[in-house]
Protein backbone atom coordinates (compact mmCIF):
# COMPACT_ATOMS: atom_id res chain seq x y z
CA MET A 1 114.21 109.36 89.90
CA SER A 2 114.23 105.80 88.61
CA GLU A 3 111.84 104.61 85.91
CA ALA A 4 108.32 104.49 87.34
CA THR A 5 104.64 104.24 86.51
CA TYR A 6 102.91 107.57 87.11
CA LEU A 7 99.82 107.39 89.28
CA SER A 8 98.62 110.89 90.17
CA LEU A 9 99.62 114.55 90.10
CA VAL A 10 97.32 116.16 92.69
CA LEU A 11 97.88 115.78 96.43
CA ASN A 12 97.37 118.15 99.33
CA PRO A 13 100.29 118.68 101.79
CA GLU A 14 99.01 116.12 104.29
CA GLN A 15 98.62 113.54 101.54
CA VAL A 16 102.17 114.23 100.39
CA ARG A 17 103.54 113.63 103.89
CA GLU A 18 101.52 110.43 104.25
CA THR A 19 102.63 109.16 100.83
CA VAL A 20 106.32 109.70 101.59
CA ALA A 21 106.10 108.33 105.14
CA SER A 22 104.15 105.20 104.25
CA GLY A 23 106.25 104.68 101.13
CA TYR A 24 109.54 104.64 103.03
CA ASP A 25 107.97 102.51 105.76
CA ALA A 26 107.17 99.95 103.06
CA VAL A 27 110.51 100.00 101.22
CA ALA A 28 112.94 100.54 104.13
CA GLU A 29 114.74 97.24 103.63
CA ALA A 30 114.59 97.31 99.82
CA TYR A 31 115.94 100.86 99.70
CA ALA A 32 118.90 99.89 101.88
CA GLN A 33 119.93 97.36 99.22
CA LEU A 34 120.14 99.92 96.39
CA GLU A 35 123.47 101.33 97.54
CA GLY A 36 124.97 97.86 97.63
CA GLU A 37 125.47 97.85 93.86
CA GLU A 38 128.33 100.33 94.03
CA GLU A 39 129.43 103.16 96.29
CA TRP A 40 127.26 106.26 95.94
CA PRO A 41 128.88 109.71 95.99
CA ARG A 42 127.38 110.74 99.32
CA MET A 43 130.05 109.20 101.56
CA ARG A 44 132.87 110.92 99.69
CA TRP A 45 131.09 114.26 100.04
CA LEU A 46 130.26 113.57 103.66
CA ALA A 47 133.88 112.69 104.44
CA ASP A 48 134.97 116.01 102.95
CA LEU A 49 132.46 117.87 105.12
CA LEU A 50 133.33 116.03 108.33
CA ALA A 51 137.02 116.74 107.81
CA ARG A 52 136.17 120.47 107.94
CA LEU A 53 134.46 120.22 111.35
CA ASP A 54 135.93 120.24 114.83
CA ALA A 55 135.37 117.07 116.83
CA GLY A 56 132.16 117.19 118.83
CA SER A 57 130.33 119.40 116.35
CA ASP A 58 126.53 119.29 116.25
CA VAL A 59 125.38 117.78 112.95
CA LEU A 60 121.82 117.27 111.69
CA ASP A 61 121.12 114.48 109.18
CA LEU A 62 117.86 115.60 107.57
CA GLY A 63 116.19 112.59 105.96
CA CYS A 64 118.49 110.15 107.74
CA GLY A 65 116.74 106.93 106.70
CA ASN A 66 117.98 103.91 108.66
CA GLY A 67 121.10 105.76 109.79
CA ILE A 68 123.52 103.71 107.68
CA PRO A 69 125.97 104.76 106.47
CA ALA A 70 125.72 108.54 106.85
CA THR A 71 124.47 109.13 110.41
CA GLN A 72 126.70 106.30 111.60
CA ALA A 73 129.75 108.05 110.13
CA ILE A 74 128.73 111.41 111.62
CA ALA A 75 128.27 109.92 115.09
CA GLN A 76 131.82 108.56 115.23
CA ARG A 77 133.25 112.00 116.11
CA HIS A 78 130.28 114.33 116.36
CA ASN A 79 126.93 114.85 118.07
CA ALA A 80 124.53 113.44 115.49
CA VAL A 81 120.82 114.20 115.25
CA GLY A 82 118.80 112.31 112.65
CA VAL A 83 115.32 113.14 111.38
CA ASP A 84 113.15 111.11 109.02
CA ILE A 85 109.46 111.12 108.17
CA SER A 86 109.32 107.30 108.15
CA ALA A 87 108.65 105.66 111.52
CA ARG A 88 110.10 102.40 110.21
CA GLN A 89 113.33 104.07 109.13
CA ILE A 90 113.68 105.79 112.51
CA ALA A 91 113.14 102.51 114.34
CA LEU A 92 115.94 100.97 112.28
CA ALA A 93 118.19 104.00 112.78
CA ARG A 94 117.87 103.82 116.56
CA LYS A 95 119.07 100.22 116.45
CA ASN A 96 121.80 100.88 113.89
CA VAL A 97 123.25 104.03 115.49
CA PRO A 98 122.50 103.95 119.23
CA ASN A 99 124.88 106.84 119.95
CA ALA A 100 122.85 109.33 117.87
CA ASP A 101 119.59 111.11 118.66
CA PHE A 102 116.68 110.46 116.30
CA MET A 103 113.21 111.88 115.83
CA CYS A 104 110.40 111.05 113.43
CA GLY A 105 109.13 114.17 111.70
CA ASP A 106 108.50 116.09 108.51
CA ALA A 107 111.49 118.21 107.47
CA ALA A 108 109.19 120.96 106.18
CA SER A 109 107.63 121.49 109.61
CA LEU A 110 110.57 120.96 111.99
CA ASP A 111 111.22 123.60 114.63
CA PHE A 112 114.85 123.82 115.77
CA PRO A 113 116.32 126.85 117.56
CA GLU A 114 118.37 129.39 115.63
CA ASN A 115 122.12 128.64 115.54
CA ARG A 116 121.56 125.04 116.70
CA PHE A 117 123.92 123.14 114.38
CA ASP A 118 127.45 123.36 113.01
CA ALA A 119 126.39 121.42 109.91
CA VAL A 120 123.26 120.07 108.25
CA VAL A 121 123.33 117.27 105.67
CA SER A 122 120.40 116.21 103.50
CA PHE A 123 120.76 113.34 101.06
CA TYR A 124 118.04 112.50 98.50
CA MET A 125 115.35 114.20 100.59
CA LEU A 126 114.58 117.56 98.98
CA GLY A 127 112.98 115.81 96.01
CA HIS A 128 110.27 114.38 98.29
CA ILE A 129 109.01 117.81 99.37
CA PRO A 130 106.66 119.96 97.23
CA ARG A 131 108.58 122.57 95.25
CA ALA A 132 106.46 125.34 96.76
CA GLU A 133 108.08 124.57 100.13
CA HIS A 134 111.72 124.38 98.99
CA ALA A 135 112.69 128.03 99.43
CA ARG A 136 111.14 128.20 102.90
CA LEU A 137 112.90 125.01 103.99
CA LEU A 138 116.29 126.22 102.74
CA ALA A 139 115.81 129.48 104.64
CA ARG A 140 114.97 127.57 107.82
CA ILE A 141 118.07 125.39 107.44
CA PHE A 142 120.13 128.57 107.06
CA GLY A 143 118.67 129.79 110.35
CA TRP A 144 119.42 126.52 112.18
CA LEU A 145 123.10 126.81 111.30
CA ARG A 146 125.64 128.63 113.40
CA PRO A 147 127.82 131.24 111.69
CA ARG A 148 130.35 129.48 109.41
CA GLY A 149 128.17 126.36 109.49
CA TYR A 150 127.94 124.02 106.49
CA PHE A 151 125.04 122.62 104.50
CA LEU A 152 125.66 119.55 102.33
CA VAL A 153 122.78 118.60 100.01
CA SER A 154 122.09 116.44 96.98
CA VAL A 155 119.58 117.83 94.47
CA GLU A 156 118.04 116.49 91.30
CA GLU A 157 119.69 117.65 88.08
CA GLU A 158 116.40 117.99 86.20
CA GLU A 159 113.10 119.67 86.98
CA GLU A 160 110.31 117.37 88.18
CA PRO A 161 106.81 118.83 88.75
CA ASP A 162 104.92 117.48 91.76
CA THR A 163 104.33 113.85 90.87
CA VAL A 164 103.32 110.56 92.46
CA ALA A 165 104.82 107.46 90.87
CA ASP A 166 105.24 103.78 91.60
CA TRP A 167 108.75 103.43 93.07
CA LEU A 168 110.19 100.16 94.40
CA GLY A 169 106.65 98.80 94.31
CA THR A 170 104.98 101.55 96.34
CA PRO A 171 103.54 105.02 95.57
CA MET A 172 106.08 107.79 96.17
CA PHE A 173 105.96 111.58 95.83
CA PHE A 174 108.65 113.40 93.81
CA SER A 175 109.18 117.11 93.18
CA SER A 176 112.22 119.15 92.21
CA PHE A 177 113.54 122.28 90.57
CA ASP A 178 116.55 121.85 88.31
CA ALA A 179 119.91 122.01 90.06
CA ASP A 180 120.87 125.48 88.82
CA THR A 181 117.62 126.88 90.19
CA VAL A 182 118.35 125.33 93.60
CA LEU A 183 121.83 126.86 93.56
CA GLY A 184 120.24 130.24 92.95
CA MET A 185 117.83 129.68 95.84
CA LEU A 186 120.69 128.79 98.17
CA ARG A 187 122.55 131.98 97.27
CA GLU A 188 119.39 134.06 97.65
CA VAL A 189 118.90 132.69 101.17
CA GLY A 190 122.45 133.79 102.02
CA PHE A 191 124.58 130.69 101.51
CA ASP A 192 128.01 130.80 99.91
CA VAL A 193 128.45 127.80 97.60
CA VAL A 194 131.81 126.20 98.46
CA ARG A 195 131.64 123.24 96.04
CA GLU A 196 129.13 121.94 93.54
CA GLU A 197 129.48 119.08 91.08
CA PRO A 198 127.25 116.74 89.07
CA GLU A 199 127.64 113.04 89.84
CA VAL A 200 125.87 109.92 88.63
CA GLN A 201 125.00 106.92 90.78
CA LEU A 202 123.54 103.51 90.01
CA GLU A 203 120.06 102.68 91.32
CA GLY A 204 118.69 99.33 90.27
CA GLY A 205 121.14 99.23 87.36
CA ARG A 206 120.06 102.66 86.11
CA GLU A 207 122.24 105.78 86.15
CA VAL A 208 120.65 108.61 88.16
CA PRO A 209 122.21 112.10 88.05
CA PHE A 210 122.39 114.39 91.08
CA ARG A 211 124.09 117.72 91.77
CA TRP A 212 126.09 117.66 94.97
CA VAL A 213 126.39 120.99 96.75
CA LEU A 214 128.41 122.07 99.78
CA ALA A 215 127.37 125.51 100.98
CA ARG A 216 128.30 127.65 103.98
CA LYS A 217 126.65 130.26 106.16
CA LEU A 218 129.16 133.08 106.33
CA ALA A 219 127.41 135.35 108.81
C-alpha cells in the first residue's frame, strides 16, 4: 500500500464494500495512470499463465478494473470473464474490451458453478477484502476451477490489519495477511504452488512489494 493518511479502523462488511466500490469509482482514471511509470510484473506473470492454457480456455479476471491490460490480453485467445466491484471500472472495461464478458459484483459474494473456469487471475484485489473472508474466498476460487486449473494472484508481502486510509485522494479499505500466511492458506485449500516470487513495482514513485503466486488445482 502506498503512503496514506489513516482515517478509520472499524467498518462492517457492507461499509467495506461501499468504500472499495466508491473509491475505485472515484479514482478509475487516476489509477490507470499508475502503471504508466514503468511496466508492473503482472503482465509477465500473466503471459506465463496464458502460455500454459489451450486456446479458448475460460478465464476469470477477478478484480478486473478497466480491463486494460490484463483482461484485454486474456481475451485475445481465450473466453474472458471480468468482475469488479466498481461500476465505473466495469463501464470502462466494457468499452475497452468488447469481446469479454463483464459483471459488477463483490468477489467475496460471487456465485459461479463448480468447475467453471480453466484459470482465475486476481491482481491487487485480495488486499481490499477483510482478512476474515480470505480463506473462504480462496476455497471458493478452488471450487470454481476445473481439475488442473490455474490460479494466479498477487498478495501483499506484509501483514495489514483491516484499515481505511486516504489513497489517491479517496478513502480506501486495505487488509492483508503476510505472503507466507497466504501461501499456507492456498496449500490448505488444496492448491499446489507452482511458482512464487517477491517482486517490487513503482506506484507514484514509491516501491511497493508484492508476492506473485501461480498455483494449480491438481484434482
